[in-house]
Amino acid sequence: MEQLLAIAFIALLIFFVVKVGSILWRIAGVLFLLFIIYIYKDQMLSQLQNFVANPDFGGIWQSLTNFFSSVFDSVTSFLGTVIE
């Protein structure tokens, strides 16, 4: 259930940022994106350092998939705690 709510939350956020002409929703979307980048900056930097030290173009897709999966899991768990 939390996963469906997380998908709906992310989809609504993207919809409001793109479609709604209000500057407040666009600012909220950018702030949310900056928040996600701030939360995962250490993980992104370590992945970048590992890639620079040992470039593996086949594994970069797996790393990106794992990163976005962890972001999705974090949003899902956050929504799960908000609902309870």
N, C-alpha and C. Protein backbone atom coordinates (compact mmCIF):
# COMPACT_ATOMS: atom_id res chain seq x y z
N MET A 1 0.82 -1.19 0.00
CA MET A 1 0.00 0.00 0.00
C MET A 1 0.87 1.26 0.00
N GLU A 2 1.95 1.22 0.80
CA GLU A 2 2.82 2.40 0.86
C GLU A 2 3.49 2.66 -0.48
N GLN A 3 3.79 1.58 -1.22
CA GLN A 3 4.44 1.76 -2.51
C GLN A 3 3.51 2.45 -3.50
N LEU A 4 2.24 2.09 -3.47
CA LEU A 4 1.28 2.75 -4.36
C LEU A 4 1.13 4.22 -3.98
N LEU A 5 1.13 4.51 -2.70
CA LEU A 5 1.04 5.90 -2.26
C LEU A 5 2.29 6.68 -2.63
N ALA A 6 3.45 6.03 -2.55
CA ALA A 6 4.70 6.70 -2.94
C ALA A 6 4.69 7.01 -4.43
N ILE A 7 4.21 6.07 -5.24
CA ILE A 7 4.13 6.31 -6.68
C ILE A 7 3.16 7.45 -6.96
N ALA A 8 2.03 7.44 -6.28
CA ALA A 8 1.04 8.50 -6.47
C ALA A 8 1.60 9.85 -6.02
N PHE A 9 2.31 9.87 -4.91
CA PHE A 9 2.89 11.10 -4.39
C PHE A 9 3.91 11.68 -5.37
N ILE A 10 4.79 10.84 -5.87
CA ILE A 10 5.81 11.29 -6.82
C ILE A 10 5.17 11.74 -8.12
N ALA A 11 4.17 11.00 -8.59
CA ALA A 11 3.49 11.37 -9.83
C ALA A 11 2.75 12.70 -9.67
N LEU A 12 2.08 12.90 -8.55
CA LEU A 12 1.38 14.16 -8.33
C LEU A 12 2.35 15.33 -8.21
N LEU A 13 3.49 15.10 -7.56
CA LEU A 13 4.48 16.15 -7.44
C LEU A 13 5.01 16.55 -8.82
N ILE A 14 5.32 15.58 -9.64
CA ILE A 14 5.80 15.87 -10.99
C ILE A 14 4.71 16.56 -11.80
N PHE A 15 3.46 16.11 -11.67
CA PHE A 15 2.35 16.73 -12.38
C PHE A 15 2.19 18.19 -11.98
N PHE A 16 2.21 18.46 -10.69
CA PHE A 16 2.03 19.84 -10.24
C PHE A 16 3.19 20.73 -10.65
N VAL A 17 4.39 20.20 -10.61
CA VAL A 17 5.54 21.02 -11.00
C VAL A 17 5.51 21.33 -12.49
N VAL A 18 5.11 20.37 -13.31
CA VAL A 18 5.13 20.57 -14.75
C VAL A 18 3.89 21.30 -15.25
N LYS A 19 2.72 20.89 -14.81
CA LYS A 19 1.48 21.39 -15.40
C LYS A 19 0.94 22.65 -14.74
N VAL A 20 1.07 22.75 -13.45
CA VAL A 20 0.49 23.90 -12.76
C VAL A 20 1.40 25.10 -12.99
N GLY A 21 0.81 26.18 -13.37
CA GLY A 21 1.60 27.36 -13.70
C GLY A 21 2.05 28.16 -12.50
N SER A 22 1.65 27.74 -11.32
CA SER A 22 1.99 28.50 -10.12
C SER A 22 3.48 28.39 -9.83
N ILE A 23 4.05 29.50 -9.54
CA ILE A 23 5.48 29.53 -9.22
C ILE A 23 5.76 28.83 -7.89
N LEU A 24 4.78 28.81 -7.00
CA LEU A 24 4.98 28.16 -5.70
C LEU A 24 5.17 26.65 -5.86
N TRP A 25 4.41 26.01 -6.76
CA TRP A 25 4.57 24.57 -6.96
C TRP A 25 5.89 24.26 -7.63
N ARG A 26 6.32 25.12 -8.50
CA ARG A 26 7.63 24.90 -9.14
C ARG A 26 8.76 25.05 -8.13
N ILE A 27 8.64 26.02 -7.26
CA ILE A 27 9.64 26.20 -6.20
C ILE A 27 9.62 25.00 -5.26
N ALA A 28 8.41 24.52 -4.92
CA ALA A 28 8.30 23.35 -4.04
C ALA A 28 8.94 22.12 -4.69
N GLY A 29 8.74 21.94 -5.98
CA GLY A 29 9.34 20.80 -6.68
C GLY A 29 10.85 20.88 -6.71
N VAL A 30 11.37 22.07 -6.96
CA VAL A 30 12.83 22.25 -6.97
C VAL A 30 13.40 22.03 -5.57
N LEU A 31 12.72 22.53 -4.55
CA LEU A 31 13.18 22.32 -3.18
C LEU A 31 13.16 20.84 -2.81
N PHE A 32 12.14 20.12 -3.25
CA PHE A 32 12.07 18.68 -3.00
C PHE A 32 13.23 17.96 -3.68
N LEU A 33 13.53 18.34 -4.91
CA LEU A 33 14.66 17.74 -5.63
C LEU A 33 15.97 18.05 -4.92
N LEU A 34 16.15 19.28 -4.48
CA LEU A 34 17.36 19.64 -3.74
C LEU A 34 17.46 18.88 -2.42
N PHE A 35 16.32 18.65 -1.78
CA PHE A 35 16.30 17.88 -0.54
C PHE A 35 16.76 16.44 -0.79
N ILE A 36 16.28 15.83 -1.86
CA ILE A 36 16.69 14.46 -2.19
C ILE A 36 18.18 14.42 -2.51
N ILE A 37 18.67 15.40 -3.25
CA ILE A 37 20.10 15.45 -3.57
C ILE A 37 20.92 15.64 -2.29
N TYR A 38 20.46 16.49 -1.38
CA TYR A 38 21.19 16.72 -0.13
C TYR A 38 21.23 15.45 0.72
N ILE A 39 20.12 14.72 0.76
CA ILE A 39 20.06 13.50 1.57
C ILE A 39 21.03 12.45 1.03
N TYR A 40 21.09 12.30 -0.28
CA TYR A 40 21.89 11.23 -0.89
C TYR A 40 23.20 11.71 -1.48
N LYS A 41 23.69 12.88 -1.07
CA LYS A 41 24.92 13.39 -1.66
C LYS A 41 26.12 12.52 -1.33
N ASP A 42 26.20 11.98 -0.11
CA ASP A 42 27.33 11.13 0.25
C ASP A 42 27.34 9.85 -0.57
N GLN A 43 26.17 9.26 -0.76
CA GLN A 43 26.08 8.05 -1.57
C GLN A 43 26.44 8.34 -3.02
N MET A 44 25.99 9.46 -3.55
CA MET A 44 26.32 9.81 -4.94
C MET A 44 27.81 10.07 -5.09
N LEU A 45 28.41 10.76 -4.12
CA LEU A 45 29.85 11.04 -4.21
C LEU A 45 30.67 9.77 -4.11
N SER A 46 30.29 8.84 -3.23
CA SER A 46 31.04 7.60 -3.13
C SER A 46 30.91 6.77 -4.40
N GLN A 47 29.71 6.76 -5.01
CA GLN A 47 29.55 6.05 -6.27
C GLN A 47 30.39 6.68 -7.37
N LEU A 48 30.45 8.00 -7.39
CA LEU A 48 31.25 8.70 -8.40
C LEU A 48 32.73 8.42 -8.21
N GLN A 49 33.20 8.41 -6.96
CA GLN A 49 34.61 8.12 -6.69
C GLN A 49 34.95 6.68 -7.07
N ASN A 50 34.05 5.75 -6.79
CA ASN A 50 34.28 4.36 -7.19
C ASN A 50 34.33 4.22 -8.71
N PHE A 51 33.48 4.96 -9.40
CA PHE A 51 33.47 4.88 -10.85
C PHE A 51 34.72 5.49 -11.45
N VAL A 52 35.20 6.61 -10.88
CA VAL A 52 36.42 7.24 -11.40
C VAL A 52 37.62 6.34 -11.15
N ALA A 53 37.67 5.70 -9.98
CA ALA A 53 38.79 4.82 -9.66
C ALA A 53 38.77 3.56 -10.52
N ASN A 54 37.59 3.04 -10.78
CA ASN A 54 37.47 1.80 -11.55
C ASN A 54 36.28 1.92 -12.49
N PRO A 55 36.48 2.51 -13.68
CA PRO A 55 35.34 2.71 -14.58
C PRO A 55 34.75 1.39 -15.07
N ASP A 56 33.49 1.23 -14.81
CA ASP A 56 32.77 0.03 -15.22
C ASP A 56 31.46 0.48 -15.84
N PHE A 57 31.46 0.62 -17.16
CA PHE A 57 30.28 1.15 -17.84
C PHE A 57 29.11 0.18 -17.81
N GLY A 58 29.39 -1.11 -17.66
CA GLY A 58 28.30 -2.08 -17.55
C GLY A 58 27.62 -1.99 -16.19
N GLY A 59 28.39 -1.66 -15.16
CA GLY A 59 27.83 -1.61 -13.81
C GLY A 59 27.19 -0.28 -13.46
N ILE A 60 27.39 0.74 -14.30
CA ILE A 60 26.83 2.06 -13.99
C ILE A 60 25.30 2.02 -14.04
N TRP A 61 24.74 1.24 -14.94
CA TRP A 61 23.28 1.13 -15.02
C TRP A 61 22.74 0.48 -13.74
N GLN A 62 23.44 -0.54 -13.25
CA GLN A 62 23.02 -1.20 -12.00
C GLN A 62 23.13 -0.24 -10.82
N SER A 63 24.16 0.58 -10.79
CA SER A 63 24.32 1.55 -9.71
C SER A 63 23.21 2.59 -9.74
N LEU A 64 22.87 3.08 -10.92
CA LEU A 64 21.78 4.05 -11.04
C LEU A 64 20.45 3.43 -10.64
N THR A 65 20.23 2.19 -11.04
CA THR A 65 19.00 1.51 -10.67
C THR A 65 18.91 1.33 -9.17
N ASN A 66 20.01 0.94 -8.54
CA ASN A 66 20.02 0.78 -7.08
C ASN A 66 19.78 2.11 -6.38
N PHE A 67 20.35 3.19 -6.89
CA PHE A 67 20.17 4.49 -6.28
C PHE A 67 18.71 4.92 -6.32
N PHE A 68 18.09 4.84 -7.50
CA PHE A 68 16.70 5.26 -7.61
C PHE A 68 15.77 4.32 -6.85
N SER A 69 16.16 3.07 -6.74
CA SER A 69 15.37 2.13 -5.94
C SER A 69 15.43 2.51 -4.47
N SER A 70 16.61 2.92 -3.99
CA SER A 70 16.72 3.33 -2.59
C SER A 70 15.97 4.63 -2.33
N VAL A 71 15.95 5.55 -3.30
CA VAL A 71 15.17 6.78 -3.16
C VAL A 71 13.69 6.43 -3.08
N PHE A 72 13.23 5.53 -3.93
CA PHE A 72 11.84 5.12 -3.92
C PHE A 72 11.49 4.45 -2.60
N ASP A 73 12.39 3.58 -2.09
CA ASP A 73 12.13 2.93 -0.81
C ASP A 73 12.07 3.93 0.33
N SER A 74 12.90 4.96 0.28
CA SER A 74 12.88 5.99 1.32
C SER A 74 11.58 6.77 1.31
N VAL A 75 11.11 7.13 0.12
CA VAL A 75 9.83 7.83 0.01
C VAL A 75 8.70 6.93 0.49
N THR A 76 8.76 5.66 0.15
CA THR A 76 7.74 4.71 0.57
C THR A 76 7.71 4.58 2.09
N SER A 77 8.88 4.45 2.70
CA SER A 77 8.91 4.31 4.17
C SER A 77 8.48 5.60 4.85
N PHE A 78 8.82 6.75 4.27
CA PHE A 78 8.38 8.03 4.84
C PHE A 78 6.86 8.14 4.80
N LEU A 79 6.27 7.80 3.67
CA LEU A 79 4.81 7.84 3.57
C LEU A 79 4.16 6.81 4.48
N GLY A 80 4.81 5.66 4.66
CA GLY A 80 4.28 4.66 5.57
C GLY A 80 4.24 5.15 7.01
N THR A 81 5.28 5.88 7.42
CA THR A 81 5.29 6.42 8.78
C THR A 81 4.31 7.57 8.94
N VAL A 82 4.10 8.35 7.88
CA VAL A 82 3.15 9.45 7.95
C VAL A 82 1.73 8.91 8.07
N ILE A 83 1.43 7.83 7.35
CA ILE A 83 0.08 7.26 7.38
C ILE A 83 -0.22 6.67 8.75
N GLU A 84 0.76 6.00 9.35
CA GLU A 84 0.53 5.38 10.65
C GLU A 84 0.50 6.42 11.69
